[in-house]
């Protein structure tokens, strides 16, 4: 769980810096004044979502390995079985998919 937080935080920070640089570059090139931090926040959110997407894919592979089928095809009882075997992953996956 800590590595997920570290990866998301690192990606969010990198996205923030990239967005900040993009904002400064666009302002200097176009002469337009954007809302301060707009691109920085957008970059941070997009980067964090990208990391979360990779984590969702990893959880999906775990479900495929456990049941031999696509995660969208598992039944409610299979989901409960997965949750019992992998409570932290299931909890995180439920939270990630609510975004």
C-alpha atoms as a PDB file:
ATOM      1  CA  UNK A   1       0.000   0.000   0.000  1.00  0.00           C
ATOM      2  CA  UNK A   2       2.850   2.361   0.814  1.00  0.00           C
ATOM      3  CA  UNK A   3       4.421   1.814  -2.610  1.00  0.00           C
ATOM      4  CA  UNK A   4       1.092   2.736  -4.244  1.00  0.00           C
ATOM      5  CA  UNK A   5       0.979   5.954  -2.255  1.00  0.00           C
ATOM      6  CA  UNK A   6       4.599   6.738  -3.114  1.00  0.00           C
ATOM      7  CA  UNK A   7       4.034   6.070  -6.830  1.00  0.00           C
ATOM      8  CA  UNK A   8       0.866   8.173  -6.904  1.00  0.00           C
ATOM      9  CA  UNK A   9       2.531  10.997  -4.983  1.00  0.00           C
ATOM     10  CA  UNK A  10       5.626  10.956  -7.195  1.00  0.00           C
ATOM     11  CA  UNK A  11       3.545  10.931 -10.377  1.00  0.00           C
ATOM     12  CA  UNK A  12       1.310  13.687  -9.019  1.00  0.00           C
ATOM     13  CA  UNK A  13       4.334  15.822  -8.171  1.00  0.00           C
ATOM     14  CA  UNK A  14       5.884  15.268 -11.583  1.00  0.00           C
ATOM     15  CA  UNK A  15       2.560  16.098 -13.225  1.00  0.00           C
ATOM     16  CA  UNK A  16       2.296  19.253 -11.135  1.00  0.00           C
ATOM     17  CA  UNK A  17       5.752  20.410 -12.251  1.00  0.00           C
ATOM     18  CA  UNK A  18       5.037  19.547 -15.890  1.00  0.00           C
ATOM     19  CA  UNK A  19       1.761  21.453 -15.753  1.00  0.00           C
ATOM     20  CA  UNK A  20       3.460  24.417 -14.119  1.00  0.00           C
ATOM     21  CA  UNK A  21       6.126  24.492 -16.838  1.00  0.00           C
ATOM     22  CA  UNK A  22       3.461  24.186 -19.540  1.00  0.00           C
ATOM     23  CA  UNK A  23       1.508  27.056 -18.004  1.00  0.00           C
ATOM     24  CA  UNK A  24       4.581  29.297 -17.828  1.00  0.00           C
ATOM     25  CA  UNK A  25       5.548  28.402 -21.386  1.00  0.00           C
ATOM     26  CA  UNK A  26       2.089  29.084 -22.787  1.00  0.00           C
ATOM     27  CA  UNK A  27       1.829  32.368 -20.926  1.00  0.00           C
ATOM     28  CA  UNK A  28       5.176  33.550 -22.259  1.00  0.00           C
ATOM     29  CA  UNK A  29       4.467  32.383 -25.820  1.00  0.00           C
ATOM     30  CA  UNK A  30       0.914  33.664 -26.130  1.00  0.00           C
ATOM     31  CA  UNK A  31       0.901  36.568 -23.708  1.00  0.00           C
ATOM     32  CA  UNK A  32      -2.315  35.209 -22.207  1.00  0.00           C
ATOM     33  CA  UNK A  33      -2.669  35.092 -18.436  1.00  0.00           C
ATOM     34  CA  UNK A  34      -4.035  31.764 -17.242  1.00  0.00           C
ATOM     35  CA  UNK A  35      -5.401  31.176 -13.769  1.00  0.00           C
ATOM     36  CA  UNK A  36      -2.394  30.488 -11.546  1.00  0.00           C
ATOM     37  CA  UNK A  37      -1.875  26.777 -11.005  1.00  0.00           C
ATOM     38  CA  UNK A  38      -4.565  25.624 -13.440  1.00  0.00           C
ATOM     39  CA  UNK A  39      -2.259  23.481 -15.567  1.00  0.00           C
ATOM     40  CA  UNK A  40      -0.231  22.395 -12.539  1.00  0.00           C
ATOM     41  CA  UNK A  41      -3.275  20.980 -10.784  1.00  0.00           C
ATOM     42  CA  UNK A  42      -4.553  19.389 -14.001  1.00  0.00           C
ATOM     43  CA  UNK A  43      -1.166  17.763 -14.605  1.00  0.00           C
ATOM     44  CA  UNK A  44      -1.062  16.466 -11.061  1.00  0.00           C
ATOM     45  CA  UNK A  45      -4.521  14.915 -11.293  1.00  0.00           C
ATOM     46  CA  UNK A  46      -3.870  13.335 -14.696  1.00  0.00           C
ATOM     47  CA  UNK A  47      -0.575  11.847 -13.551  1.00  0.00           C
ATOM     48  CA  UNK A  48      -2.135  10.395 -10.395  1.00  0.00           C
ATOM     49  CA  UNK A  49      -4.981   8.898 -12.421  1.00  0.00           C
ATOM     50  CA  UNK A  50      -2.464   7.363 -14.792  1.00  0.00           C
ATOM     51  CA  UNK A  51      -0.730   5.596 -11.903  1.00  0.00           C
ATOM     52  CA  UNK A  52      -4.075   4.434 -10.562  1.00  0.00           C
ATOM     53  CA  UNK A  53      -4.955   3.058 -13.999  1.00  0.00           C
ATOM     54  CA  UNK A  54      -1.835   0.897 -13.891  1.00  0.00           C
ATOM     55  CA  UNK A  55      -2.784  -0.357 -10.439  1.00  0.00           C
ATOM     56  CA  UNK A  56      -6.286  -1.211 -11.656  1.00  0.00           C
ATOM     57  CA  UNK A  57      -4.751  -3.181 -14.524  1.00  0.00           C
ATOM     58  CA  UNK A  58      -2.594  -5.112 -12.044  1.00  0.00           C
ATOM     59  CA  UNK A  59      -5.635  -5.940  -9.904  1.00  0.00           C
ATOM     60  CA  UNK A  60      -7.481  -6.992 -13.054  1.00  0.00           C
ATOM     61  CA  UNK A  61      -4.682  -9.412 -13.923  1.00  0.00           C
ATOM     62  CA  UNK A  62      -4.938 -10.879 -10.402  1.00  0.00           C
ATOM     63  CA  UNK A  63      -8.649 -11.522 -10.898  1.00  0.00           C
ATOM     64  CA  UNK A  64      -7.994 -13.110 -14.301  1.00  0.00           C
ATOM     65  CA  UNK A  65      -5.375 -15.398 -12.779  1.00  0.00           C
ATOM     66  CA  UNK A  66      -7.661 -16.373  -9.912  1.00  0.00           C
ATOM     67  CA  UNK A  67     -10.795 -17.118 -11.961  1.00  0.00           C
ATOM     68  CA  UNK A  68      -9.531 -17.517 -15.512  1.00  0.00           C
ATOM     69  CA  UNK A  69     -11.876 -14.921 -16.943  1.00  0.00           C
ATOM     70  CA  UNK A  70     -12.271 -11.206 -17.468  1.00  0.00           C
ATOM     71  CA  UNK A  71     -13.020  -9.238 -14.271  1.00  0.00           C
ATOM     72  CA  UNK A  72     -16.231  -7.912 -15.828  1.00  0.00           C
ATOM     73  CA  UNK A  73     -17.490 -11.476 -16.175  1.00  0.00           C
ATOM     74  CA  UNK A  74     -17.079 -12.621 -12.568  1.00  0.00           C
ATOM     75  CA  UNK A  75     -20.155 -13.225 -10.470  1.00  0.00           C
ATOM     76  CA  UNK A  76     -21.017 -11.574  -7.178  1.00  0.00           C
ATOM     77  CA  UNK A  77     -19.952 -14.698  -5.284  1.00  0.00           C
ATOM     78  CA  UNK A  78     -16.609 -14.738  -7.127  1.00  0.00           C
ATOM     79  CA  UNK A  79     -16.092 -11.081  -6.232  1.00  0.00           C
ATOM     80  CA  UNK A  80     -16.776 -11.910  -2.578  1.00  0.00           C
ATOM     81  CA  UNK A  81     -14.277 -14.777  -2.822  1.00  0.00           C
ATOM     82  CA  UNK A  82     -11.680 -12.398  -4.281  1.00  0.00           C
ATOM     83  CA  UNK A  83     -12.384  -9.886  -1.505  1.00  0.00           C
ATOM     84  CA  UNK A  84     -11.845 -12.561   1.138  1.00  0.00           C
ATOM     85  CA  UNK A  85      -8.563 -13.670  -0.428  1.00  0.00           C
ATOM     86  CA  UNK A  86      -7.339 -10.118  -1.191  1.00  0.00           C
ATOM     87  CA  UNK A  87      -9.109  -7.690   1.173  1.00  0.00           C
ATOM     88  CA  UNK A  88      -6.712  -4.754   0.748  1.00  0.00           C
ATOM     89  CA  UNK A  89      -6.598  -5.046  -3.043  1.00  0.00           C
ATOM     90  CA  UNK A  90     -10.382  -5.312  -3.252  1.00  0.00           C
ATOM     91  CA  UNK A  91     -10.855  -2.312  -0.962  1.00  0.00           C
ATOM     92  CA  UNK A  92      -8.385  -0.237  -2.950  1.00  0.00           C
ATOM     93  CA  UNK A  93      -9.935  -1.339  -6.246  1.00  0.00           C
ATOM     94  CA  UNK A  94     -13.413  -0.358  -5.113  1.00  0.00           C
ATOM     95  CA  UNK A  95     -12.156   3.081  -4.099  1.00  0.00           C
ATOM     96  CA  UNK A  96     -10.175   3.560  -7.319  1.00  0.00           C
ATOM     97  CA  UNK A  97     -13.125   2.667  -9.534  1.00  0.00           C
ATOM     98  CA  UNK A  98     -15.414   5.150  -7.791  1.00  0.00           C
ATOM     99  CA  UNK A  99     -13.329   8.030  -9.190  1.00  0.00           C
END
